Amino acid sequence: MNKLIAIGMSVFGLGLGGWSGYQLGSAGSDAPLAKADTPALAKLVPGLSTGRADVDSATLRALIREEMTAVLAKPGSSLPTAPQPGKSGGAPAASTPAQEAVSPEVQAQRREALEQASALVAQGTWGNEQRMSFREKLAMLDPQQRDQAMQQFATAINNGSLTVTTDGPPL
């Protein structure tokens, strides 16, 4: 019985200490945490319970856009670059260099690789051998052809005409 009382008093003491620490910590001002140059994303709505807020979506969008621009501007970023304001998203800029000249032999190899990749997708079953062969074919294709092959692959999986039986991910 004495052990139960000692354990109960210990738990009560720890609980009381934690509660009082929480109360003392929350009584302080939040001013050190807030920065003057940071826009207010949330405005507390009177009448709602504490913790509920009305979010300023325009400010939130602006901050997200700013962060994404900063990430895309990093030199090692693997993400695609964002289109410049005022330019259409799909059209390449006039100042971009022309695509490199490709020999007819390389064009024929790419065309053959694209046909073979399409044939792999058209088979209807997708195993480990098809995955390895498809990846080899993708490496030989130019970016537009690679997008076309990937679109065929994704469409075949989505409409159910391709059954995936690989050990792990299909690509």
C-alpha atoms as a PDB file:
ATOM      1  CA  MET A   1       0.000   0.000   0.000  1.00  0.00           C
ATOM      2  CA  ASN A   2       2.878   2.347   0.801  1.00  0.00           C
ATOM      3  CA  LYS A   3       4.325   1.725  -2.647  1.00  0.00           C
ATOM      4  CA  LEU A   4       1.043   2.730  -4.293  1.00  0.00           C
ATOM      5  CA  ILE A   5       0.908   5.939  -2.294  1.00  0.00           C
ATOM      6  CA  ALA A   6       4.539   6.759  -3.169  1.00  0.00           C
ATOM      7  CA  ILE A   7       3.956   6.078  -6.866  1.00  0.00           C
ATOM      8  CA  GLY A   8       0.726   8.076  -6.838  1.00  0.00           C
ATOM      9  CA  MET A   9       2.415  11.044  -5.172  1.00  0.00           C
ATOM     10  CA  SER A  10       5.297  10.874  -7.678  1.00  0.00           C
ATOM     11  CA  VAL A  11       2.912  10.873 -10.628  1.00  0.00           C
ATOM     12  CA  PHE A  12       0.902  13.695  -9.093  1.00  0.00           C
ATOM     13  CA  GLY A  13       4.064  15.725  -8.459  1.00  0.00           C
ATOM     14  CA  LEU A  14       5.344  15.220 -11.994  1.00  0.00           C
ATOM     15  CA  GLY A  15       1.955  16.116 -13.424  1.00  0.00           C
ATOM     16  CA  LEU A  16       1.680  19.215 -11.276  1.00  0.00           C
ATOM     17  CA  GLY A  17       5.208  20.287 -12.240  1.00  0.00           C
ATOM     18  CA  GLY A  18       4.516  19.781 -15.940  1.00  0.00           C
ATOM     19  CA  TRP A  19       1.234  21.645 -15.736  1.00  0.00           C
ATOM     20  CA  SER A  20       2.755  24.588 -13.862  1.00  0.00           C
ATOM     21  CA  GLY A  21       5.649  24.773 -16.331  1.00  0.00           C
ATOM     22  CA  TYR A  22       3.200  24.819 -19.197  1.00  0.00           C
ATOM     23  CA  GLN A  23       1.149  27.561 -17.536  1.00  0.00           C
ATOM     24  CA  LEU A  24       4.194  29.700 -16.800  1.00  0.00           C
ATOM     25  CA  GLY A  25       5.535  29.251 -20.332  1.00  0.00           C
ATOM     26  CA  SER A  26       2.259  30.240 -21.979  1.00  0.00           C
ATOM     27  CA  ALA A  27       1.833  33.326 -19.797  1.00  0.00           C
ATOM     28  CA  GLY A  28       4.853  34.966 -21.462  1.00  0.00           C
ATOM     29  CA  SER A  29       4.541  37.199 -24.493  1.00  0.00           C
ATOM     30  CA  ASP A  30       4.776  35.811 -28.032  1.00  0.00           C
ATOM     31  CA  ALA A  31       6.521  39.001 -29.163  1.00  0.00           C
ATOM     32  CA  PRO A  32      10.020  37.462 -29.371  1.00  0.00           C
ATOM     33  CA  LEU A  33       8.690  34.822 -31.763  1.00  0.00           C
ATOM     34  CA  ALA A  34       7.050  37.255 -34.169  1.00  0.00           C
ATOM     35  CA  LYS A  35       9.172  39.177 -36.652  1.00  0.00           C
ATOM     36  CA  ALA A  36       8.246  42.673 -37.723  1.00  0.00           C
ATOM     37  CA  ASP A  37       9.062  42.006 -41.395  1.00  0.00           C
ATOM     38  CA  THR A  38       6.977  38.820 -41.629  1.00  0.00           C
ATOM     39  CA  PRO A  39       3.412  39.392 -42.872  1.00  0.00           C
ATOM     40  CA  ALA A  40       0.637  38.047 -40.722  1.00  0.00           C
ATOM     41  CA  LEU A  41      -0.655  34.852 -42.322  1.00  0.00           C
ATOM     42  CA  ALA A  42      -3.349  34.197 -39.785  1.00  0.00           C
ATOM     43  CA  LYS A  43      -5.772  36.503 -38.093  1.00  0.00           C
ATOM     44  CA  LEU A  44      -7.540  35.271 -35.010  1.00  0.00           C
ATOM     45  CA  VAL A  45     -11.278  35.374 -35.456  1.00  0.00           C
ATOM     46  CA  PRO A  46     -13.198  36.607 -32.414  1.00  0.00           C
ATOM     47  CA  GLY A  47     -15.830  34.183 -31.228  1.00  0.00           C
ATOM     48  CA  LEU A  48     -13.936  31.094 -32.439  1.00  0.00           C
ATOM     49  CA  SER A  49     -12.110  28.845 -30.043  1.00  0.00           C
ATOM     50  CA  THR A  50      -8.443  29.510 -29.422  1.00  0.00           C
ATOM     51  CA  GLY A  51      -6.342  27.941 -32.137  1.00  0.00           C
ATOM     52  CA  ARG A  52      -8.817  28.594 -34.947  1.00  0.00           C
ATOM     53  CA  ALA A  53      -7.746  31.289 -37.359  1.00  0.00           C
ATOM     54  CA  ASP A  54      -8.701  32.882 -40.640  1.00  0.00           C
ATOM     55  CA  VAL A  55      -5.801  32.377 -43.063  1.00  0.00           C
ATOM     56  CA  ASP A  56      -4.927  35.154 -45.498  1.00  0.00           C
ATOM     57  CA  SER A  57      -4.678  33.068 -48.672  1.00  0.00           C
ATOM     58  CA  ALA A  58      -3.234  35.830 -50.865  1.00  0.00           C
ATOM     59  CA  THR A  59      -0.305  36.350 -48.509  1.00  0.00           C
ATOM     60  CA  LEU A  60       0.195  32.611 -48.182  1.00  0.00           C
ATOM     61  CA  ARG A  61       0.271  32.208 -51.981  1.00  0.00           C
ATOM     62  CA  ALA A  62       2.785  35.046 -52.288  1.00  0.00           C
ATOM     63  CA  LEU A  63       5.079  33.461 -49.699  1.00  0.00           C
ATOM     64  CA  ILE A  64       4.869  30.049 -51.355  1.00  0.00           C
ATOM     65  CA  ARG A  65       5.580  31.593 -54.758  1.00  0.00           C
ATOM     66  CA  GLU A  66       8.587  33.425 -53.303  1.00  0.00           C
ATOM     67  CA  GLU A  67       9.957  30.231 -51.726  1.00  0.00           C
ATOM     68  CA  MET A  68       9.457  28.217 -54.914  1.00  0.00           C
ATOM     69  CA  THR A  69      11.237  30.899 -56.953  1.00  0.00           C
ATOM     70  CA  ALA A  70      14.151  30.784 -54.526  1.00  0.00           C
ATOM     71  CA  VAL A  71      14.371  26.989 -54.747  1.00  0.00           C
ATOM     72  CA  LEU A  72      14.163  26.967 -58.529  1.00  0.00           C
ATOM     73  CA  ALA A  73      16.868  29.632 -58.761  1.00  0.00           C
ATOM     74  CA  LYS A  74      19.441  27.447 -56.982  1.00  0.00           C
ATOM     75  CA  PRO A  75      22.082  26.150 -59.399  1.00  0.00           C
ATOM     76  CA  GLY A  76      21.829  22.489 -58.301  1.00  0.00           C
ATOM     77  CA  SER A  77      18.042  22.330 -58.462  1.00  0.00           C
ATOM     78  CA  SER A  78      16.705  19.277 -60.307  1.00  0.00           C
ATOM     79  CA  LEU A  79      13.273  20.852 -60.636  1.00  0.00           C
ATOM     80  CA  PRO A  80      12.237  22.420 -63.950  1.00  0.00           C
ATOM     81  CA  THR A  81      12.741  26.141 -64.194  1.00  0.00           C
ATOM     82  CA  ALA A  82       9.718  28.372 -63.808  1.00  0.00           C
ATOM     83  CA  PRO A  83       8.557  30.383 -66.821  1.00  0.00           C
ATOM     84  CA  GLN A  84       9.376  34.059 -66.679  1.00  0.00           C
ATOM     85  CA  PRO A  85       6.456  36.417 -65.984  1.00  0.00           C
ATOM     86  CA  GLY A  86       4.903  37.687 -69.199  1.00  0.00           C
ATOM     87  CA  LYS A  87       6.020  34.708 -71.277  1.00  0.00           C
ATOM     88  CA  SER A  88       3.797  31.819 -72.199  1.00  0.00           C
ATOM     89  CA  GLY A  89       4.501  28.683 -70.205  1.00  0.00           C
ATOM     90  CA  GLY A  90       4.618  26.299 -73.150  1.00  0.00           C
ATOM     91  CA  ALA A  91       6.599  28.270 -75.721  1.00  0.00           C
ATOM     92  CA  PRO A  92      10.399  28.252 -75.513  1.00  0.00           C
ATOM     93  CA  ALA A  93      12.095  31.585 -75.187  1.00  0.00           C
ATOM     94  CA  ALA A  94      13.569  33.148 -78.305  1.00  0.00           C
ATOM     95  CA  SER A  95      16.934  33.540 -76.591  1.00  0.00           C
ATOM     96  CA  THR A  96      17.362  29.800 -75.903  1.00  0.00           C
ATOM     97  CA  PRO A  97      19.985  28.099 -78.080  1.00  0.00           C
ATOM     98  CA  ALA A  98      18.828  25.848 -80.888  1.00  0.00           C
ATOM     99  CA  GLN A  99      18.850  22.116 -80.295  1.00  0.00           C
ATOM    100  CA  GLU A 100      22.083  20.384 -81.178  1.00  0.00           C
ATOM    101  CA  ALA A 101      22.320  18.849 -84.619  1.00  0.00           C
ATOM    102  CA  VAL A 102      21.770  15.104 -84.524  1.00  0.00           C
ATOM    103  CA  SER A 103      23.147  12.749 -87.126  1.00  0.00           C
ATOM    104  CA  PRO A 104      20.713  10.659 -89.187  1.00  0.00           C
ATOM    105  CA  GLU A 105      22.090   7.480 -87.589  1.00  0.00           C
ATOM    106  CA  VAL A 106      21.269   8.753 -84.098  1.00  0.00           C
ATOM    107  CA  GLN A 107      17.813   9.841 -85.261  1.00  0.00           C
ATOM    108  CA  ALA A 108      17.203   6.364 -86.683  1.00  0.00           C
ATOM    109  CA  GLN A 109      18.379   4.766 -83.419  1.00  0.00           C
ATOM    110  CA  ARG A 110      16.075   7.013 -81.409  1.00  0.00           C
ATOM    111  CA  ARG A 111      13.128   6.288 -83.681  1.00  0.00           C
ATOM    112  CA  GLU A 112      13.794   2.542 -83.393  1.00  0.00           C
ATOM    113  CA  ALA A 113      14.138   2.798 -79.594  1.00  0.00           C
ATOM    114  CA  LEU A 114      10.806   4.648 -79.411  1.00  0.00           C
ATOM    115  CA  GLU A 115       9.120   1.956 -81.524  1.00  0.00           C
ATOM    116  CA  GLN A 116      10.598  -0.781 -79.324  1.00  0.00           C
ATOM    117  CA  ALA A 117       9.445   1.030 -76.168  1.00  0.00           C
ATOM    118  CA  SER A 118       5.950   1.308 -77.649  1.00  0.00           C
ATOM    119  CA  ALA A 119       6.029  -2.409 -78.478  1.00  0.00           C
ATOM    120  CA  LEU A 120       7.013  -3.215 -74.874  1.00  0.00           C
ATOM    121  CA  VAL A 121       4.020  -1.257 -73.593  1.00  0.00           C
ATOM    122  CA  ALA A 122       1.693  -2.864 -76.151  1.00  0.00           C
ATOM    123  CA  GLN A 123       2.580  -6.402 -74.972  1.00  0.00           C
ATOM    124  CA  GLY A 124       0.166  -6.122 -72.061  1.00  0.00           C
ATOM    125  CA  THR A 125       2.415  -7.572 -69.350  1.00  0.00           C
ATOM    126  CA  TRP A 126       5.173  -5.686 -67.595  1.00  0.00           C
ATOM    127  CA  GLY A 127       7.828  -7.712 -65.826  1.00  0.00           C
ATOM    128  CA  ASN A 128      11.390  -7.098 -64.698  1.00  0.00           C
ATOM    129  CA  GLU A 129      12.822  -7.764 -68.184  1.00  0.00           C
ATOM    130  CA  GLN A 130      10.461  -5.236 -69.785  1.00  0.00           C
ATOM    131  CA  ARG A 131      11.341  -2.695 -67.109  1.00  0.00           C
ATOM    132  CA  MET A 132      15.090  -3.001 -67.762  1.00  0.00           C
ATOM    133  CA  SER A 133      14.638  -2.896 -71.535  1.00  0.00           C
ATOM    134  CA  PHE A 134      12.317   0.125 -71.297  1.00  0.00           C
ATOM    135  CA  ARG A 135      14.830   2.005 -69.143  1.00  0.00           C
ATOM    136  CA  GLU A 136      17.583   1.323 -71.698  1.00  0.00           C
ATOM    137  CA  LYS A 137      15.340   2.606 -74.478  1.00  0.00           C
ATOM    138  CA  LEU A 138      14.454   5.732 -72.494  1.00  0.00           C
ATOM    139  CA  ALA A 139      18.138   6.569 -72.074  1.00  0.00           C
ATOM    140  CA  MET A 140      18.570   6.716 -75.863  1.00  0.00           C
ATOM    141  CA  LEU A 141      15.576   8.985 -76.527  1.00  0.00           C
ATOM    142  CA  ASP A 142      15.521  12.769 -76.698  1.00  0.00           C
ATOM    143  CA  PRO A 143      13.341  14.585 -74.107  1.00  0.00           C
ATOM    144  CA  GLN A 144      10.255  14.853 -76.344  1.00  0.00           C
ATOM    145  CA  GLN A 145      10.393  11.186 -77.295  1.00  0.00           C
ATOM    146  CA  ARG A 146      10.997  10.236 -73.662  1.00  0.00           C
ATOM    147  CA  ASP A 147       7.884  12.170 -72.651  1.00  0.00           C
ATOM    148  CA  GLN A 148       5.905  10.437 -75.385  1.00  0.00           C
ATOM    149  CA  ALA A 149       7.066   6.970 -74.243  1.00  0.00           C
ATOM    150  CA  MET A 150       6.332   7.763 -70.604  1.00  0.00           C
ATOM    151  CA  GLN A 151       2.880   9.047 -71.541  1.00  0.00           C
ATOM    152  CA  GLN A 152       2.140   5.805 -73.418  1.00  0.00           C
ATOM    153  CA  PHE A 153       3.358   3.808 -70.420  1.00  0.00           C
ATOM    154  CA  ALA A 154       1.287   5.772 -67.900  1.00  0.00           C
ATOM    155  CA  THR A 155      -1.815   5.648 -70.102  1.00  0.00           C
ATOM    156  CA  ALA A 156      -1.492   1.875 -70.506  1.00  0.00           C
ATOM    157  CA  ILE A 157      -1.207   1.371 -66.743  1.00  0.00           C
ATOM    158  CA  ASN A 158      -4.072   3.755 -65.981  1.00  0.00           C
ATOM    159  CA  ASN A 159      -6.531   2.208 -68.438  1.00  0.00           C
ATOM    160  CA  GLY A 160      -5.637  -1.342 -67.354  1.00  0.00           C
ATOM    161  CA  SER A 161      -4.186  -2.568 -70.652  1.00  0.00           C
ATOM    162  CA  LEU A 162      -0.787  -3.154 -68.990  1.00  0.00           C
ATOM    163  CA  THR A 163      -0.484  -5.631 -66.128  1.00  0.00           C
ATOM    164  CA  VAL A 164       2.506  -4.924 -63.876  1.00  0.00           C
ATOM    165  CA  THR A 165       4.259  -7.969 -62.391  1.00  0.00           C
ATOM    166  CA  THR A 166       7.606  -6.442 -61.404  1.00  0.00           C
ATOM    167  CA  ASP A 167       9.419  -6.941 -58.126  1.00  0.00           C
ATOM    168  CA  GLY A 168       9.080  -3.386 -56.877  1.00  0.00           C
ATOM    169  CA  PRO A 169       8.256  -0.221 -58.791  1.00  0.00           C
ATOM    170  CA  PRO A 170       7.361  -0.560 -62.479  1.00  0.00           C
ATOM    171  CA  LEU A 171      10.172   1.744 -63.578  1.00  0.00           C
END
